[in-house]
Amino acid sequence: EKVKIQLSTLRKGEAQYAARMQDIQILRLKIRDLHRELTISQNTSSHTDEFRQNLISTQRELLQEKTKVKALSEELENPMNVHRWRKLEGSDPATYEMIQKIQTLQKRLIFKTEQV
């Protein structure tokens, strides 16, 4: 009877040992996955610094361009040097003259396209 108890205990121990070995295998796989994730995150963290520097320089450029736009729009609203402009004088031709000019230009275009 002691032998049966010992055999039963031995089988239970072997089953528990096999289960623990399987747990060890699973934990080793998890450790490998975590190492892989760690190397990936380290690689991306090195790129993060580059991206951060690029972002800062781009934001600086954007701020400079916004400042330029603001200065130019203010100058357009309130011109300082009024003497640099001159008033253009002229009159609009009559509607009939414009129609005639369009027709002559169309005829010239047709003639040129026929020559080609």
C-alpha atoms as a PDB file:
ATOM      1  CA  GLU A   1       0.000   0.000   0.000  1.00  0.00           C
ATOM      2  CA  LYS A   2       2.909   2.362   0.723  1.00  0.00           C
ATOM      3  CA  VAL A   3       4.196   1.608  -2.737  1.00  0.00           C
ATOM      4  CA  LYS A   4       0.891   2.651  -4.303  1.00  0.00           C
ATOM      5  CA  ILE A   5       0.905   5.878  -2.316  1.00  0.00           C
ATOM      6  CA  GLN A   6       4.481   6.565  -3.295  1.00  0.00           C
ATOM      7  CA  LEU A   7       3.730   5.798  -6.960  1.00  0.00           C
ATOM      8  CA  SER A   8       0.705   8.069  -6.832  1.00  0.00           C
ATOM      9  CA  THR A   9       2.777  10.810  -5.242  1.00  0.00           C
ATOM     10  CA  LEU A  10       5.507  10.236  -7.837  1.00  0.00           C
ATOM     11  CA  ARG A  11       3.002  10.547 -10.713  1.00  0.00           C
ATOM     12  CA  LYS A  12       1.549  13.707  -9.228  1.00  0.00           C
ATOM     13  CA  GLY A  13       5.045  15.088  -8.810  1.00  0.00           C
ATOM     14  CA  GLU A  14       5.936  14.222 -12.402  1.00  0.00           C
ATOM     15  CA  ALA A  15       2.742  15.863 -13.630  1.00  0.00           C
ATOM     16  CA  GLN A  16       3.492  18.986 -11.601  1.00  0.00           C
ATOM     17  CA  TYR A  17       7.091  18.934 -12.850  1.00  0.00           C
ATOM     18  CA  ALA A  18       5.895  18.745 -16.470  1.00  0.00           C
ATOM     19  CA  ALA A  19       3.466  21.594 -15.824  1.00  0.00           C
ATOM     20  CA  ARG A  20       6.255  23.713 -14.287  1.00  0.00           C
ATOM     21  CA  MET A  21       8.534  22.944 -17.241  1.00  0.00           C
ATOM     22  CA  GLN A  22       5.789  24.076 -19.589  1.00  0.00           C
ATOM     23  CA  ASP A  23       5.380  27.255 -17.512  1.00  0.00           C
ATOM     24  CA  ILE A  24       9.145  27.828 -17.781  1.00  0.00           C
ATOM     25  CA  GLN A  25       8.968  27.494 -21.583  1.00  0.00           C
ATOM     26  CA  ILE A  26       6.094  29.987 -21.739  1.00  0.00           C
ATOM     27  CA  LEU A  27       7.977  32.418 -19.509  1.00  0.00           C
ATOM     28  CA  ARG A  28      11.113  32.097 -21.667  1.00  0.00           C
ATOM     29  CA  LEU A  29       9.027  32.958 -24.755  1.00  0.00           C
ATOM     30  CA  LYS A  30       7.584  35.965 -22.945  1.00  0.00           C
ATOM     31  CA  ILE A  31      11.111  37.075 -21.971  1.00  0.00           C
ATOM     32  CA  ARG A  32      12.203  36.868 -25.625  1.00  0.00           C
ATOM     33  CA  ASP A  33       9.169  38.893 -26.694  1.00  0.00           C
ATOM     34  CA  LEU A  34       9.893  41.501 -24.039  1.00  0.00           C
ATOM     35  CA  HIS A  35      13.538  41.730 -25.142  1.00  0.00           C
ATOM     36  CA  ARG A  36      12.394  42.217 -28.733  1.00  0.00           C
ATOM     37  CA  GLU A  37       9.941  44.939 -27.685  1.00  0.00           C
ATOM     38  CA  LEU A  38      12.691  46.589 -25.648  1.00  0.00           C
ATOM     39  CA  THR A  39      15.069  46.767 -28.607  1.00  0.00           C
ATOM     40  CA  ILE A  40      12.304  48.096 -30.842  1.00  0.00           C
ATOM     41  CA  SER A  41      11.370  50.779 -28.326  1.00  0.00           C
ATOM     42  CA  GLN A  42      15.038  51.755 -27.900  1.00  0.00           C
ATOM     43  CA  ASN A  43      15.388  52.129 -31.664  1.00  0.00           C
ATOM     44  CA  THR A  44      12.254  54.241 -31.896  1.00  0.00           C
ATOM     45  CA  SER A  45      13.330  56.365 -28.939  1.00  0.00           C
ATOM     46  CA  SER A  46      16.530  57.295 -30.775  1.00  0.00           C
ATOM     47  CA  HIS A  47      14.402  58.381 -33.739  1.00  0.00           C
ATOM     48  CA  THR A  48      12.130  60.313 -31.402  1.00  0.00           C
ATOM     49  CA  ASP A  49      14.926  62.757 -30.578  1.00  0.00           C
ATOM     50  CA  GLU A  50      15.492  63.407 -34.284  1.00  0.00           C
ATOM     51  CA  PHE A  51      11.775  63.936 -34.823  1.00  0.00           C
ATOM     52  CA  ARG A  52      11.620  66.289 -31.849  1.00  0.00           C
ATOM     53  CA  GLN A  53      14.491  68.402 -33.236  1.00  0.00           C
ATOM     54  CA  ASN A  54      12.837  68.436 -36.654  1.00  0.00           C
ATOM     55  CA  LEU A  55       9.529  69.476 -35.079  1.00  0.00           C
ATOM     56  CA  ILE A  56      11.171  72.317 -33.154  1.00  0.00           C
ATOM     57  CA  SER A  57      12.950  73.673 -36.235  1.00  0.00           C
ATOM     58  CA  THR A  58       9.766  73.412 -38.315  1.00  0.00           C
ATOM     59  CA  GLN A  59       7.761  75.234 -35.642  1.00  0.00           C
ATOM     60  CA  ARG A  60      10.424  77.953 -35.557  1.00  0.00           C
ATOM     61  CA  GLU A  61      10.203  78.360 -39.339  1.00  0.00           C
ATOM     62  CA  LEU A  62       6.410  78.465 -39.133  1.00  0.00           C
ATOM     63  CA  LEU A  63       6.563  81.201 -36.514  1.00  0.00           C
ATOM     64  CA  GLN A  64       8.954  83.246 -38.682  1.00  0.00           C
ATOM     65  CA  GLU A  65       6.680  82.891 -41.695  1.00  0.00           C
ATOM     66  CA  LYS A  66       3.636  83.887 -39.640  1.00  0.00           C
ATOM     67  CA  THR A  67       5.512  86.970 -38.467  1.00  0.00           C
ATOM     68  CA  LYS A  68       6.376  87.872 -42.063  1.00  0.00           C
ATOM     69  CA  VAL A  69       2.752  87.414 -43.145  1.00  0.00           C
ATOM     70  CA  LYS A  70       1.515  89.569 -40.295  1.00  0.00           C
ATOM     71  CA  ALA A  71       4.013  92.356 -41.100  1.00  0.00           C
ATOM     72  CA  LEU A  72       3.149  92.292 -44.808  1.00  0.00           C
ATOM     73  CA  SER A  73      -0.591  92.295 -44.177  1.00  0.00           C
ATOM     74  CA  GLU A  74      -0.243  95.225 -41.781  1.00  0.00           C
ATOM     75  CA  GLU A  75       1.763  97.120 -44.390  1.00  0.00           C
ATOM     76  CA  LEU A  76      -0.956  96.461 -46.951  1.00  0.00           C
ATOM     77  CA  GLU A  77      -3.604  97.770 -44.587  1.00  0.00           C
ATOM     78  CA  ASN A  78      -1.582 100.817 -43.578  1.00  0.00           C
ATOM     79  CA  PRO A  79       0.842 101.743 -46.374  1.00  0.00           C
ATOM     80  CA  MET A  80       3.776 103.837 -45.228  1.00  0.00           C
ATOM     81  CA  ASN A  81       5.250 104.848 -48.575  1.00  0.00           C
ATOM     82  CA  VAL A  82       2.327 106.262 -50.505  1.00  0.00           C
ATOM     83  CA  HIS A  83       4.527 107.910 -53.155  1.00  0.00           C
ATOM     84  CA  ARG A  84       5.609 104.679 -54.758  1.00  0.00           C
ATOM     85  CA  TRP A  85       2.231 104.259 -56.426  1.00  0.00           C
ATOM     86  CA  ARG A  86       0.865 106.253 -59.300  1.00  0.00           C
ATOM     87  CA  LYS A  87      -2.638 106.518 -60.499  1.00  0.00           C
ATOM     88  CA  LEU A  88      -3.284 104.774 -63.778  1.00  0.00           C
ATOM     89  CA  GLU A  89      -5.432 106.669 -66.165  1.00  0.00           C
ATOM     90  CA  GLY A  90      -7.424 105.137 -68.933  1.00  0.00           C
ATOM     91  CA  SER A  91     -10.891 104.430 -70.065  1.00  0.00           C
ATOM     92  CA  ASP A  92     -12.755 101.263 -70.830  1.00  0.00           C
ATOM     93  CA  PRO A  93     -13.543 100.800 -74.501  1.00  0.00           C
ATOM     94  CA  ALA A  94     -17.127 100.551 -75.491  1.00  0.00           C
ATOM     95  CA  THR A  95     -18.795  97.169 -75.550  1.00  0.00           C
ATOM     96  CA  TYR A  96     -19.156  97.221 -79.321  1.00  0.00           C
ATOM     97  CA  GLU A  97     -15.434  97.820 -79.790  1.00  0.00           C
ATOM     98  CA  MET A  98     -14.622  94.932 -77.450  1.00  0.00           C
ATOM     99  CA  ILE A  99     -16.912  92.564 -79.386  1.00  0.00           C
ATOM    100  CA  GLN A 100     -15.271  93.601 -82.662  1.00  0.00           C
ATOM    101  CA  LYS A 101     -11.810  93.019 -81.203  1.00  0.00           C
ATOM    102  CA  ILE A 102     -12.811  89.547 -79.955  1.00  0.00           C
ATOM    103  CA  GLN A 103     -14.146  88.629 -83.395  1.00  0.00           C
ATOM    104  CA  THR A 104     -10.980  89.765 -85.168  1.00  0.00           C
ATOM    105  CA  LEU A 105      -8.809  87.853 -82.692  1.00  0.00           C
ATOM    106  CA  GLN A 106     -10.923  84.734 -83.225  1.00  0.00           C
ATOM    107  CA  LYS A 107     -10.566  85.076 -86.994  1.00  0.00           C
ATOM    108  CA  ARG A 108      -6.787  85.432 -86.652  1.00  0.00           C
ATOM    109  CA  LEU A 109      -6.685  82.376 -84.417  1.00  0.00           C
ATOM    110  CA  ILE A 110      -8.665  80.304 -86.917  1.00  0.00           C
ATOM    111  CA  PHE A 111      -6.415  81.470 -89.725  1.00  0.00           C
ATOM    112  CA  LYS A 112      -3.251  80.569 -87.785  1.00  0.00           C
ATOM    113  CA  THR A 113      -4.565  77.143 -86.845  1.00  0.00           C
ATOM    114  CA  GLU A 114      -5.434  76.430 -90.484  1.00  0.00           C
ATOM    115  CA  GLN A 115      -1.898  77.349 -91.512  1.00  0.00           C
ATOM    116  CA  VAL A 116      -0.427  74.833 -89.112  1.00  0.00           C
END
